[in-house]
């Protein structure tokens, strides 16, 4: 773009390379924050139902609209309780974390058989004693939880199984005791999250298939009759060095990528889905029957996708600790 008199860089960011398809339709959380306080699960999960808007009272003191009503776009998540079906301990090695062992709840949900064969005559107390013997070398304790989609508006029976780290407490022993206390119980969103809290979300973006460089990278459409193509890049590189740089916009996969959204504010955690479900239900989702969550802004992913949440790993400074007052919620 040397003929231009203004700076016109490529629109796509090189921070998200390679732009390949995600290996799994559910997002991953690879890093967990540190937490000071009582032992608790550092994450939760819910199904994306759709978006709407609310009218709230701006509570940020440095905002020019402080104390005034503002219209905000929000995302609604269907958050049925998670079932804690097991726990797993890790030890620290020079190559990273390594699994020490795991313990499962003896009476598992029958729907979990769609994920793996359920064990018969499983002895939970025996496996817990084995984990207690290695408590001195344990570096991390995680809970194995699974979703209950039958309680949501998602038309599926197979639950999602994943791990959630346990943080807080004065040591590994206290975290281990907390994991043992919640084993075989349901965990609701209100048990570990609160209104006004900031969370990070991990999910898979909407897939758009194989796209050209104009849609994928936002390059300029070339002048008519200048070249054999108009929606291609003007030059793929110099003669020397005679290789193509990775920064050249090329066609390829667009969407269906793993993405993490930071510092999403929870505006409300409700228990009655009728308060938020519009007449006829959410488009391409359905009716929220139980717990729900309203999060400010948009969240990556399609409707019915599982959205994983964790405690904010880099929470904003000087942010209000309580949720703003909601004067109107559009249904």
Foldseek 3Di string as FASTA:
>chain_A
DVVDPDDDDWQDDPVDPPPDADPDQWFDDDDAAADADAKDWFKFKFFWFAKFKFWFADCQPPDPRHRHIDIFIWTKTQGDWKWFFKKWFWFQDPVGTDTPAMAGDQDDDPLQVVVPNDDDPGDRVVRLVSCVVCLVRTDWMKTKIWDQCVQFLDPDSRIDIDITTMHHDDGSVSNSVVNVVRHRHIDGPVNHDDAFFWKKKKGFADWDFKDFLCVATVDAFQDPPPDPGRRHDPDQDDPPVPDGDPPRRGIGTDTNDIDMGATWGWQDKDFAQVVAADVQGRPPGGTRGTIMTIITDDDGDDGRHMMMIGHGNCHDPSRDRHHTDTPTHDD
